[in-house]
Protein backbone atom coordinates (compact mmCIF):
# COMPACT_ATOMS: atom_id res chain seq x y z
CA MET A 1 0.00 0.00 0.00
CA LEU A 2 2.96 2.26 0.39
CA HIS A 3 3.11 2.97 -3.33
CA HIS A 4 -0.42 4.45 -3.13
CA VAL A 5 0.68 7.10 -0.62
CA ALA A 6 4.40 7.53 -1.28
CA LEU A 7 4.01 10.49 -3.64
CA SER A 8 1.20 12.18 -1.72
CA LYS A 9 1.74 15.79 -0.71
CA ASN A 10 -0.28 15.58 2.52
CA THR A 11 -2.44 13.20 4.54
CA LYS A 12 -5.66 14.17 2.74
CA ASP A 13 -4.07 13.46 -0.61
CA ALA A 14 -2.84 10.09 0.70
CA TRP A 15 -6.31 9.25 2.02
CA ASP A 16 -7.96 10.24 -1.27
CA ASN A 17 -5.53 8.01 -3.17
CA LEU A 18 -6.31 5.06 -0.90
CA CYS A 19 -10.06 5.62 -1.22
CA ALA A 20 -9.87 5.85 -4.98
CA THR A 21 -7.89 2.63 -5.09
CA PHE A 22 -9.84 0.47 -2.66
CA GLU A 23 -13.42 1.77 -2.49
CA LYS A 24 -15.83 0.23 -4.93
CA LYS A 25 -18.41 2.81 -5.92
CA HIS A 26 -20.25 0.96 -8.63
CA VAL A 27 -23.74 -0.45 -8.88
CA ASP A 28 -22.73 -4.03 -8.05
CA ASN A 29 -21.35 -2.98 -4.68
CA LYS A 30 -24.50 -1.00 -3.89
CA LEU A 31 -26.62 -4.00 -4.77
CA GLN A 32 -24.49 -6.33 -2.67
CA LEU A 33 -24.71 -4.05 0.37
CA TYR A 34 -28.46 -3.61 -0.09
CA GLN A 35 -28.87 -7.40 -0.21
CA GLU A 36 -26.74 -7.80 2.93
CA LEU A 37 -28.94 -5.28 4.70
CA TYR A 38 -32.14 -6.94 3.46
CA ASN A 39 -30.94 -10.41 4.52
CA LEU A 40 -29.49 -9.30 7.85
CA LYS A 41 -30.74 -11.56 10.63
CA MET A 42 -29.62 -11.83 14.19
CA GLU A 43 -27.50 -14.95 14.54
CA GLU A 44 -28.28 -17.31 17.37
CA GLY A 45 -25.89 -16.85 20.26
CA ASN A 46 -24.83 -13.31 19.28
CA SER A 47 -25.70 -10.33 21.40
CA MET A 48 -28.02 -7.56 20.27
CA GLN A 49 -25.01 -5.22 20.18
CA VAL A 50 -23.23 -7.39 17.60
CA HIS A 51 -26.37 -7.40 15.45
CA ILE A 52 -26.77 -3.62 15.71
CA ASP A 53 -23.08 -3.13 14.90
CA LYS A 54 -23.50 -5.16 11.69
CA PHE A 55 -26.54 -3.08 10.76
CA TRP A 56 -24.67 0.20 11.29
CA MET A 57 -21.60 -1.07 9.43
CA ILE A 58 -23.66 -1.85 6.33
CA GLY A 59 -25.48 1.48 6.65
CA ASN A 60 -22.22 3.36 6.90
CA GLN A 61 -20.84 1.56 3.86
CA LEU A 62 -23.94 2.54 1.88
CA THR A 63 -23.55 6.14 3.05
CA ASN A 64 -19.89 6.15 2.02
CA ILE A 65 -20.76 5.17 -1.53
CA ASP A 66 -23.41 7.89 -1.80
CA TYR A 67 -26.38 5.51 -1.68
């Protein structure tokens, strides 16, 4: 990953380079996240907090890709 940030002028530039490289912002990713959210079920033996954390993680990922 060093080559993605080595020529960056500042931390924001480095972060933008990493985001551009590793974030998928296409329709397939949106659909996959939407399906994960739709199919999200609390797993037996997990706490409510773990379930809520998964929900928020998917929601945040959708927000990050401008859903």
